[in-house]
């Protein structure tokens, strides 16, 4: 029987250029969304880990001050924080070099915002590591300097819905507030 249709349908053996381009655009969009979400969650995990670490070592300093009847101090620079122990014989603050309270470097781009009794505390300069007083104190009586520490990524603003905050009124326990 002869073909009465005016057009012959050829068997299609591949994809058209349009179909390939549509698939590439969809894959590209999905890949960019995944990369953005992965990067954001990676920063959030790092932020959480650093906040939990600082909260733990601040509590250790407060407990050590009571248990050893020694005064401890905390000071931060742009990308590190340092704990000190007060030496009564020398009448000076000595940086702690070993153990849990040793100097800790923050991940690149992570910054601390420290307030002491409601006033912003500027980070100390690296060239002032000797002779400067700690920003926060942990006394053998159990008292602490009232403070609030916030974490933020460089270039960003503190976001209370996503960022961590550590604080105390000086008499109560040191509290870590999660988003």
N, C-alpha and C. Protein backbone atom coordinates (compact mmCIF):
# COMPACT_ATOMS: atom_id res chain seq x y z
N UNK A 1 0.83 -1.17 0.00
CA UNK A 1 0.00 0.00 0.00
C UNK A 1 0.88 1.23 0.00
N UNK A 2 0.64 2.09 -0.91
CA UNK A 2 1.46 3.29 -1.01
C UNK A 2 1.16 4.24 0.14
N UNK A 3 2.17 4.99 0.53
CA UNK A 3 2.05 5.95 1.62
C UNK A 3 1.28 7.15 1.13
N UNK A 4 0.17 7.43 1.81
CA UNK A 4 -0.66 8.53 1.38
C UNK A 4 -0.37 9.81 2.14
N UNK A 5 0.47 9.70 3.16
CA UNK A 5 0.81 10.91 3.92
C UNK A 5 1.82 11.71 3.12
N UNK A 6 1.68 13.03 3.19
CA UNK A 6 2.59 13.83 2.41
C UNK A 6 4.02 13.83 2.96
N UNK A 7 4.18 13.57 4.23
CA UNK A 7 5.53 13.61 4.83
C UNK A 7 5.89 12.23 5.34
N UNK A 8 7.12 11.87 5.15
CA UNK A 8 7.61 10.61 5.70
C UNK A 8 8.23 10.88 7.07
N UNK A 9 7.96 10.03 8.00
CA UNK A 9 8.56 10.17 9.31
C UNK A 9 9.82 9.33 9.34
N UNK A 10 10.93 9.99 9.63
CA UNK A 10 12.22 9.29 9.71
C UNK A 10 12.44 8.85 11.15
N UNK A 11 13.06 7.74 11.33
CA UNK A 11 13.37 7.28 12.67
C UNK A 11 14.39 8.24 13.29
N UNK A 12 14.08 8.71 14.52
CA UNK A 12 14.96 9.65 15.21
C UNK A 12 15.99 8.83 15.97
N UNK A 13 17.27 9.07 15.67
CA UNK A 13 18.33 8.28 16.27
C UNK A 13 19.06 9.00 17.40
N UNK A 14 18.79 10.26 17.71
CA UNK A 14 19.51 10.99 18.75
C UNK A 14 18.65 12.11 19.30
N UNK A 15 19.30 12.98 20.08
CA UNK A 15 18.61 14.10 20.67
C UNK A 15 18.84 15.34 19.82
N UNK A 16 17.88 16.22 19.87
CA UNK A 16 18.07 17.48 19.15
C UNK A 16 18.96 18.40 19.99
N UNK A 17 19.49 19.39 19.36
CA UNK A 17 20.35 20.35 20.03
C UNK A 17 19.60 21.07 21.15
N UNK A 18 18.35 21.38 20.91
CA UNK A 18 17.52 22.06 21.91
C UNK A 18 17.38 21.19 23.16
N UNK A 19 17.11 19.90 22.99
CA UNK A 19 16.95 18.99 24.12
C UNK A 19 18.24 18.92 24.94
N UNK A 20 19.37 18.85 24.27
CA UNK A 20 20.66 18.79 24.96
C UNK A 20 20.91 20.07 25.74
N UNK A 21 20.62 21.21 25.15
CA UNK A 21 20.83 22.49 25.83
C UNK A 21 19.92 22.64 27.06
N UNK A 22 18.68 22.21 26.95
CA UNK A 22 17.75 22.28 28.08
C UNK A 22 18.28 21.43 29.24
N UNK A 23 18.74 20.23 28.94
CA UNK A 23 19.27 19.35 29.98
C UNK A 23 20.51 19.99 30.63
N UNK A 24 21.40 20.58 29.83
CA UNK A 24 22.60 21.22 30.38
C UNK A 24 22.25 22.40 31.29
N UNK A 25 21.26 23.18 30.91
CA UNK A 25 20.84 24.31 31.74
C UNK A 25 20.28 23.81 33.06
N UNK A 26 19.44 22.80 33.04
CA UNK A 26 18.86 22.24 34.27
C UNK A 26 19.96 21.68 35.17
N UNK A 27 20.89 20.93 34.61
CA UNK A 27 21.99 20.36 35.40
C UNK A 27 22.85 21.48 35.99
N UNK A 28 23.12 22.52 35.23
CA UNK A 28 23.91 23.66 35.72
C UNK A 28 23.24 24.36 36.89
N UNK A 29 21.94 24.57 36.79
CA UNK A 29 21.19 25.22 37.88
C UNK A 29 21.23 24.35 39.13
N UNK A 30 20.99 23.06 38.98
CA UNK A 30 21.03 22.15 40.14
C UNK A 30 22.41 22.11 40.77
N UNK A 31 23.45 22.09 39.96
CA UNK A 31 24.82 22.06 40.50
C UNK A 31 25.13 23.32 41.27
N UNK A 32 24.72 24.47 40.78
CA UNK A 32 25.01 25.72 41.49
C UNK A 32 24.25 25.80 42.81
N UNK A 33 23.04 25.32 42.86
CA UNK A 33 22.26 25.30 44.10
C UNK A 33 22.93 24.38 45.12
N UNK A 34 23.40 23.23 44.69
CA UNK A 34 24.06 22.29 45.59
C UNK A 34 25.36 22.88 46.13
N UNK A 35 26.15 23.51 45.29
CA UNK A 35 27.42 24.12 45.73
C UNK A 35 27.15 25.24 46.73
N UNK A 36 26.18 26.09 46.49
CA UNK A 36 25.87 27.18 47.40
C UNK A 36 25.41 26.62 48.74
N UNK A 37 24.54 25.63 48.74
CA UNK A 37 24.06 25.04 49.98
C UNK A 37 25.18 24.32 50.73
N UNK A 38 26.05 23.63 50.01
CA UNK A 38 27.15 22.93 50.65
C UNK A 38 28.11 23.91 51.31
N UNK A 39 28.44 24.98 50.62
CA UNK A 39 29.34 25.99 51.16
C UNK A 39 28.74 26.63 52.40
N UNK A 40 27.47 26.96 52.35
CA UNK A 40 26.79 27.60 53.47
C UNK A 40 26.74 26.66 54.67
N UNK A 41 26.41 25.39 54.45
CA UNK A 41 26.33 24.45 55.56
C UNK A 41 27.71 24.15 56.11
N UNK A 42 28.74 24.19 55.29
CA UNK A 42 30.11 23.98 55.75
C UNK A 42 30.51 25.11 56.69
N UNK A 43 30.21 26.35 56.33
CA UNK A 43 30.49 27.50 57.19
C UNK A 43 29.70 27.38 58.50
N UNK A 44 28.47 26.96 58.41
CA UNK A 44 27.63 26.84 59.60
C UNK A 44 28.18 25.78 60.55
N UNK A 45 28.64 24.66 60.00
CA UNK A 45 29.22 23.60 60.85
C UNK A 45 30.50 24.09 61.52
N UNK A 46 31.32 24.82 60.77
CA UNK A 46 32.56 25.35 61.33
C UNK A 46 32.26 26.37 62.43
N UNK A 47 31.27 27.21 62.18
CA UNK A 47 30.85 28.20 63.17
C UNK A 47 30.35 27.49 64.44
N UNK A 48 29.55 26.47 64.28
CA UNK A 48 29.03 25.71 65.42
C UNK A 48 30.17 25.07 66.21
N UNK A 49 31.12 24.46 65.51
CA UNK A 49 32.24 23.81 66.18
C UNK A 49 33.08 24.82 66.98
N UNK A 50 33.36 25.98 66.40
CA UNK A 50 34.15 27.00 67.10
C UNK A 50 33.39 27.58 68.29
N UNK A 51 32.10 27.79 68.14
CA UNK A 51 31.30 28.32 69.25
C UNK A 51 31.26 27.32 70.40
N UNK A 52 31.08 26.05 70.09
CA UNK A 52 31.05 25.02 71.13
C UNK A 52 32.41 24.89 71.80
N UNK A 53 33.48 25.00 71.03
CA UNK A 53 34.82 24.91 71.61
C UNK A 53 35.07 26.07 72.56
N UNK A 54 34.80 27.30 72.10
CA UNK A 54 35.05 28.46 72.96
C UNK A 54 34.18 28.40 74.22
N UNK A 55 32.94 28.01 74.08
CA UNK A 55 32.07 27.87 75.24
C UNK A 55 32.67 26.89 76.24
N UNK A 56 33.17 25.76 75.75
CA UNK A 56 33.75 24.75 76.63
C UNK A 56 35.00 25.27 77.33
N UNK A 57 35.91 25.93 76.61
CA UNK A 57 37.15 26.39 77.25
C UNK A 57 36.90 27.57 78.19
N UNK A 58 35.91 28.40 77.90
CA UNK A 58 35.55 29.46 78.85
C UNK A 58 35.05 28.85 80.15
N UNK A 59 34.24 27.81 80.06
CA UNK A 59 33.76 27.12 81.26
C UNK A 59 34.90 26.43 82.00
N UNK A 60 35.85 25.87 81.26
CA UNK A 60 37.01 25.24 81.89
C UNK A 60 37.82 26.29 82.65
N UNK A 61 38.03 27.46 82.04
CA UNK A 61 38.77 28.53 82.71
C UNK A 61 38.06 28.96 83.99
N UNK A 62 36.75 29.10 83.92
CA UNK A 62 35.98 29.50 85.10
C UNK A 62 36.08 28.44 86.20
N UNK A 63 35.98 27.17 85.83
CA UNK A 63 36.09 26.08 86.81
C UNK A 63 37.50 25.98 87.38
N UNK A 64 38.51 26.08 86.52
CA UNK A 64 39.91 26.02 86.98
C UNK A 64 40.22 27.14 87.97
N UNK A 65 39.66 28.32 87.71
CA UNK A 65 39.90 29.45 88.62
C UNK A 65 39.41 29.10 90.03
N UNK A 66 38.26 28.48 90.11
CA UNK A 66 37.69 28.11 91.42
C UNK A 66 38.49 26.97 92.05
N UNK A 67 38.74 25.91 91.28
CA UNK A 67 39.38 24.71 91.83
C UNK A 67 40.83 24.93 92.23
N UNK A 68 41.54 25.80 91.51
CA UNK A 68 42.97 26.01 91.80
C UNK A 68 43.23 27.32 92.55
N UNK A 69 42.17 28.08 92.85
CA UNK A 69 42.30 29.37 93.52
C UNK A 69 43.28 30.28 92.79
N UNK A 70 43.14 30.29 91.46
CA UNK A 70 44.00 31.10 90.60
C UNK A 70 43.11 31.94 89.69
N UNK A 71 43.54 33.14 89.41
CA UNK A 71 42.79 34.02 88.51
C UNK A 71 43.18 33.70 87.07
N UNK A 72 42.18 33.62 86.20
CA UNK A 72 42.43 33.38 84.77
C UNK A 72 41.87 34.55 83.97
N UNK A 73 42.45 34.77 82.81
CA UNK A 73 42.00 35.85 81.94
C UNK A 73 41.90 35.37 80.50
N UNK A 74 41.15 36.12 79.71
CA UNK A 74 40.92 35.82 78.29
C UNK A 74 41.14 37.10 77.50
N UNK A 75 41.83 36.98 76.39
CA UNK A 75 42.00 38.12 75.48
C UNK A 75 42.00 37.58 74.05
N UNK A 76 41.50 38.39 73.14
CA UNK A 76 41.50 37.95 71.75
C UNK A 76 42.17 38.99 70.86
N UNK A 77 42.76 38.46 69.81
CA UNK A 77 43.31 39.30 68.76
C UNK A 77 42.43 39.07 67.54
N UNK A 78 42.82 39.57 66.42
CA UNK A 78 41.97 39.49 65.25
C UNK A 78 41.61 38.05 64.89
N UNK A 79 42.56 37.13 64.96
CA UNK A 79 42.28 35.76 64.50
C UNK A 79 42.66 34.68 65.52
N UNK A 80 42.97 35.08 66.75
CA UNK A 80 43.29 34.10 67.80
C UNK A 80 42.70 34.55 69.13
N UNK A 81 42.61 33.62 70.05
CA UNK A 81 42.32 34.00 71.43
C UNK A 81 43.29 33.28 72.35
N UNK A 82 43.56 33.95 73.49
CA UNK A 82 44.60 33.52 74.40
C UNK A 82 44.04 33.54 75.83
N UNK A 83 44.40 32.53 76.61
CA UNK A 83 44.06 32.51 78.03
C UNK A 83 45.33 32.80 78.83
N UNK A 84 45.14 33.44 79.97
CA UNK A 84 46.24 33.81 80.86
C UNK A 84 45.96 33.30 82.27
N UNK A 85 47.02 33.13 83.02
CA UNK A 85 46.95 32.79 84.42
C UNK A 85 47.71 33.88 85.17
N UNK A 86 47.16 34.35 86.28
CA UNK A 86 47.83 35.40 87.02
C UNK A 86 48.88 34.80 87.94
N UNK A 87 50.11 35.30 87.83
CA UNK A 87 51.22 34.86 88.66
C UNK A 87 51.39 35.88 89.78
N UNK A 88 51.04 35.49 91.01
CA UNK A 88 51.11 36.41 92.15
C UNK A 88 52.54 36.77 92.51
N UNK A 89 53.48 35.86 92.33
CA UNK A 89 54.87 36.13 92.67
C UNK A 89 55.47 37.19 91.76
N UNK A 90 55.16 37.11 90.48
CA UNK A 90 55.70 38.07 89.52
C UNK A 90 54.75 39.25 89.29
N UNK A 91 53.54 39.16 89.82
CA UNK A 91 52.51 40.20 89.65
C UNK A 91 52.25 40.52 88.18
N UNK A 92 52.05 39.45 87.39
CA UNK A 92 51.75 39.66 85.97
C UNK A 92 50.94 38.49 85.42
N UNK A 93 50.31 38.77 84.29
CA UNK A 93 49.53 37.76 83.59
C UNK A 93 50.46 36.97 82.69
N UNK A 94 50.41 35.64 82.80
CA UNK A 94 51.27 34.75 82.02
C UNK A 94 50.40 34.01 81.01
N UNK A 95 50.74 34.09 79.70
CA UNK A 95 49.97 33.32 78.70
C UNK A 95 50.10 31.82 78.95
N UNK A 96 49.01 31.11 78.80
CA UNK A 96 49.02 29.65 78.96
C UNK A 96 49.46 29.05 77.63
N UNK A 97 50.51 28.26 77.66
CA UNK A 97 51.12 27.74 76.44
C UNK A 97 50.72 26.30 76.13
N UNK A 98 50.23 25.56 77.13
CA UNK A 98 49.93 24.15 76.93
C UNK A 98 48.54 23.81 77.46
N UNK A 99 48.05 22.68 77.03
CA UNK A 99 46.78 22.18 77.55
C UNK A 99 45.57 22.76 76.83
N UNK A 100 44.44 22.55 77.43
CA UNK A 100 43.16 22.96 76.84
C UNK A 100 43.05 24.46 76.66
N UNK A 101 43.66 25.23 77.55
CA UNK A 101 43.53 26.69 77.50
C UNK A 101 44.63 27.38 76.70
N UNK A 102 45.40 26.61 75.93
CA UNK A 102 46.46 27.22 75.12
C UNK A 102 45.85 28.10 74.03
N UNK A 103 46.69 28.91 73.42
CA UNK A 103 46.25 29.81 72.34
C UNK A 103 45.54 29.02 71.24
N UNK A 104 44.48 29.60 70.70
CA UNK A 104 43.72 28.92 69.64
C UNK A 104 43.53 29.87 68.47
N UNK A 105 43.80 29.37 67.28
CA UNK A 105 43.63 30.18 66.07
C UNK A 105 42.25 29.91 65.48
N UNK A 106 41.56 31.00 65.15
CA UNK A 106 40.24 30.88 64.54
C UNK A 106 40.37 30.53 63.06
N UNK A 107 39.39 29.84 62.49
CA UNK A 107 39.41 29.58 61.05
C UNK A 107 39.43 30.90 60.27
N UNK A 108 40.05 30.87 59.12
CA UNK A 108 40.17 32.07 58.30
C UNK A 108 38.80 32.67 58.00
N UNK A 109 38.66 33.95 58.28
CA UNK A 109 37.42 34.67 58.00
C UNK A 109 36.44 34.72 59.16
N UNK A 110 36.67 33.92 60.20
CA UNK A 110 35.77 33.93 61.35
C UNK A 110 36.26 34.99 62.34
N UNK A 111 35.34 35.82 62.79
CA UNK A 111 35.70 36.90 63.72
C UNK A 111 34.83 36.82 64.96
N UNK A 112 35.41 37.31 66.07
CA UNK A 112 34.68 37.42 67.32
C UNK A 112 34.30 38.87 67.54
N UNK A 113 33.12 39.07 68.08
CA UNK A 113 32.69 40.39 68.54
C UNK A 113 32.49 40.24 70.04
N UNK A 114 33.33 40.92 70.81
CA UNK A 114 33.32 40.76 72.26
C UNK A 114 32.83 42.05 72.91
N UNK A 115 31.86 41.91 73.80
CA UNK A 115 31.38 43.03 74.61
C UNK A 115 31.60 42.68 76.07
N UNK A 116 32.16 43.63 76.81
CA UNK A 116 32.39 43.46 78.24
C UNK A 116 31.50 44.45 78.97
N UNK A 117 30.59 43.94 79.77
CA UNK A 117 29.66 44.77 80.53
C UNK A 117 28.98 45.80 79.63
N UNK A 118 28.57 45.37 78.43
CA UNK A 118 27.83 46.21 77.50
C UNK A 118 28.68 47.08 76.59
N UNK A 119 30.00 47.11 76.78
CA UNK A 119 30.89 47.93 75.96
C UNK A 119 31.68 47.05 75.00
N UNK A 120 31.80 47.49 73.75
CA UNK A 120 32.56 46.75 72.75
C UNK A 120 34.04 46.71 73.14
N UNK A 121 34.64 45.53 73.06
CA UNK A 121 36.07 45.36 73.34
C UNK A 121 36.77 45.16 72.01
N UNK A 122 37.70 46.04 71.70
CA UNK A 122 38.45 45.92 70.45
C UNK A 122 39.50 44.84 70.60
N UNK A 123 39.79 44.11 69.51
CA UNK A 123 40.84 43.08 69.61
C UNK A 123 42.19 43.74 69.89
N UNK A 124 43.01 43.05 70.68
CA UNK A 124 44.35 43.58 70.95
C UNK A 124 45.22 43.36 69.73
N UNK A 125 46.25 44.16 69.63
CA UNK A 125 47.18 44.05 68.50
C UNK A 125 48.19 42.96 68.80
N UNK A 126 48.73 42.35 67.75
CA UNK A 126 49.71 41.27 67.93
C UNK A 126 50.97 41.77 68.62
N UNK A 127 51.34 43.03 68.42
CA UNK A 127 52.58 43.54 69.02
C UNK A 127 52.39 43.93 70.49
N UNK A 128 51.19 43.72 71.03
CA UNK A 128 50.93 44.04 72.43
C UNK A 128 50.72 42.78 73.26
N UNK A 129 51.33 41.69 72.87
CA UNK A 129 51.07 40.43 73.57
C UNK A 129 51.66 40.42 74.98
N UNK A 130 52.66 41.22 75.25
CA UNK A 130 53.26 41.26 76.58
C UNK A 130 52.75 42.49 77.33
N UNK A 131 52.36 42.30 78.57
CA UNK A 131 52.02 43.40 79.44
C UNK A 131 50.59 43.91 79.35
N UNK A 132 49.82 43.46 78.41
CA UNK A 132 48.43 43.93 78.31
C UNK A 132 47.54 43.10 79.21
N UNK A 133 46.54 43.74 79.77
CA UNK A 133 45.60 43.05 80.66
C UNK A 133 44.61 42.23 79.83
N UNK A 134 44.14 41.11 80.38
CA UNK A 134 43.10 40.34 79.69
C UNK A 134 41.81 41.15 79.58
N UNK A 135 41.02 40.82 78.58
CA UNK A 135 39.73 41.49 78.38
C UNK A 135 38.67 40.97 79.34
N UNK A 136 38.71 39.67 79.63
CA UNK A 136 37.73 39.03 80.50
C UNK A 136 38.46 38.32 81.63
N UNK A 137 37.87 38.35 82.82
CA UNK A 137 38.48 37.71 83.98
C UNK A 137 37.58 36.60 84.52
N UNK A 138 38.24 35.56 85.02
CA UNK A 138 37.58 34.44 85.70
C UNK A 138 38.25 34.34 87.06
N UNK A 139 37.55 34.74 88.10
CA UNK A 139 38.15 34.87 89.42
C UNK A 139 37.96 33.61 90.26
N UNK A 140 38.88 33.42 91.19
CA UNK A 140 38.84 32.24 92.05
C UNK A 140 37.60 32.24 92.96
N UNK A 141 36.97 33.38 93.12
CA UNK A 141 35.74 33.47 93.92
C UNK A 141 34.52 32.94 93.17
N UNK A 142 34.70 32.66 91.87
CA UNK A 142 33.58 32.19 91.05
C UNK A 142 32.97 33.28 90.20
N UNK A 143 33.36 34.52 90.46
CA UNK A 143 32.84 35.62 89.65
C UNK A 143 33.55 35.66 88.30
N UNK A 144 32.85 36.22 87.33
CA UNK A 144 33.38 36.38 85.99
C UNK A 144 33.03 37.78 85.50
N UNK A 145 33.81 38.27 84.56
CA UNK A 145 33.43 39.51 83.91
C UNK A 145 32.15 39.25 83.14
N UNK A 146 31.18 40.17 83.22
CA UNK A 146 29.97 40.05 82.40
C UNK A 146 30.38 40.29 80.95
N UNK A 147 30.01 39.37 80.07
CA UNK A 147 30.43 39.51 78.67
C UNK A 147 29.41 38.87 77.74
N UNK A 148 29.59 39.23 76.48
CA UNK A 148 28.85 38.60 75.38
C UNK A 148 29.82 38.47 74.22
N UNK A 149 29.90 37.27 73.65
CA UNK A 149 30.76 37.02 72.49
C UNK A 149 29.88 36.53 71.36
N UNK A 150 29.98 37.21 70.22
CA UNK A 150 29.25 36.80 69.02
C UNK A 150 30.26 36.37 67.97
N UNK A 151 29.83 35.50 67.09
CA UNK A 151 30.66 35.01 66.00
C UNK A 151 30.11 35.53 64.69
N UNK A 152 30.99 35.93 63.77
CA UNK A 152 30.52 36.31 62.44
C UNK A 152 31.61 36.03 61.43
N UNK A 153 31.20 35.82 60.20
CA UNK A 153 32.15 35.63 59.12
C UNK A 153 32.55 37.00 58.61
N UNK A 154 33.80 37.14 58.25
CA UNK A 154 34.35 38.40 57.76
C UNK A 154 33.48 38.95 56.64
N UNK A 155 33.15 40.21 56.73
CA UNK A 155 32.33 40.85 55.70
C UNK A 155 30.84 40.66 55.92
N UNK A 156 30.46 39.84 56.87
CA UNK A 156 29.04 39.62 57.15
C UNK A 156 28.62 40.32 58.42
N UNK A 157 27.36 40.34 58.66
CA UNK A 157 26.82 40.92 59.89
C UNK A 157 26.34 39.80 60.79
N UNK A 158 26.30 40.07 62.09
CA UNK A 158 25.77 39.08 63.03
C UNK A 158 24.30 38.87 62.72
N UNK A 159 23.90 37.63 62.62
CA UNK A 159 22.51 37.27 62.33
C UNK A 159 22.02 36.37 63.45
N UNK A 160 21.18 36.90 64.31
CA UNK A 160 20.72 36.15 65.49
C UNK A 160 19.95 34.89 65.12
N UNK A 161 19.46 34.81 63.89
CA UNK A 161 18.73 33.61 63.49
C UNK A 161 19.66 32.49 63.05
N UNK A 162 20.96 32.81 62.78
CA UNK A 162 21.88 31.79 62.28
C UNK A 162 23.17 31.70 63.07
N UNK A 163 23.52 32.74 63.84
CA UNK A 163 24.82 32.80 64.47
C UNK A 163 24.75 32.46 65.96
N UNK A 164 25.90 32.14 66.51
CA UNK A 164 26.00 31.72 67.90
C UNK A 164 26.42 32.89 68.79
N UNK A 165 26.05 32.77 70.06
CA UNK A 165 26.35 33.82 71.03
C UNK A 165 26.66 33.14 72.36
N UNK A 166 27.73 33.61 73.01
CA UNK A 166 28.11 33.11 74.32
C UNK A 166 28.04 34.30 75.27
N UNK A 167 27.43 34.11 76.45
CA UNK A 167 27.28 35.25 77.34
C UNK A 167 27.14 34.81 78.80
N UNK A 168 27.38 35.76 79.70
CA UNK A 168 27.12 35.59 81.12
C UNK A 168 26.92 36.98 81.73
N UNK A 169 26.18 37.03 82.82
CA UNK A 169 26.02 38.30 83.53
C UNK A 169 27.11 38.47 84.59
N UNK A 170 28.02 37.52 84.67
CA UNK A 170 29.11 37.59 85.62
C UNK A 170 28.91 36.70 86.84
N UNK A 171 27.68 36.38 87.14
CA UNK A 171 27.40 35.53 88.29
C UNK A 171 26.82 34.18 87.88
N UNK A 172 26.04 34.18 86.81
CA UNK A 172 25.41 32.95 86.33
C UNK A 172 26.40 32.17 85.45
N UNK A 173 26.00 30.95 85.10
CA UNK A 173 26.81 30.12 84.22
C UNK A 173 27.00 30.79 82.87
N UNK A 174 28.07 30.39 82.19
CA UNK A 174 28.32 30.88 80.83
C UNK A 174 27.40 30.09 79.91
N UNK A 175 26.64 30.82 79.08
CA UNK A 175 25.60 30.20 78.25
C UNK A 175 25.97 30.30 76.77
N UNK A 176 25.76 29.20 76.06
CA UNK A 176 25.90 29.19 74.60
C UNK A 176 24.49 29.20 74.02
N UNK A 177 24.20 30.20 73.22
CA UNK A 177 22.89 30.30 72.59
C UNK A 177 23.03 29.89 71.13
N UNK A 178 22.33 28.83 70.77
CA UNK A 178 22.32 28.33 69.39
C UNK A 178 21.22 29.02 68.60
N UNK A 179 21.43 29.11 67.30
CA UNK A 179 20.35 29.69 66.48
C UNK A 179 19.17 28.75 66.36
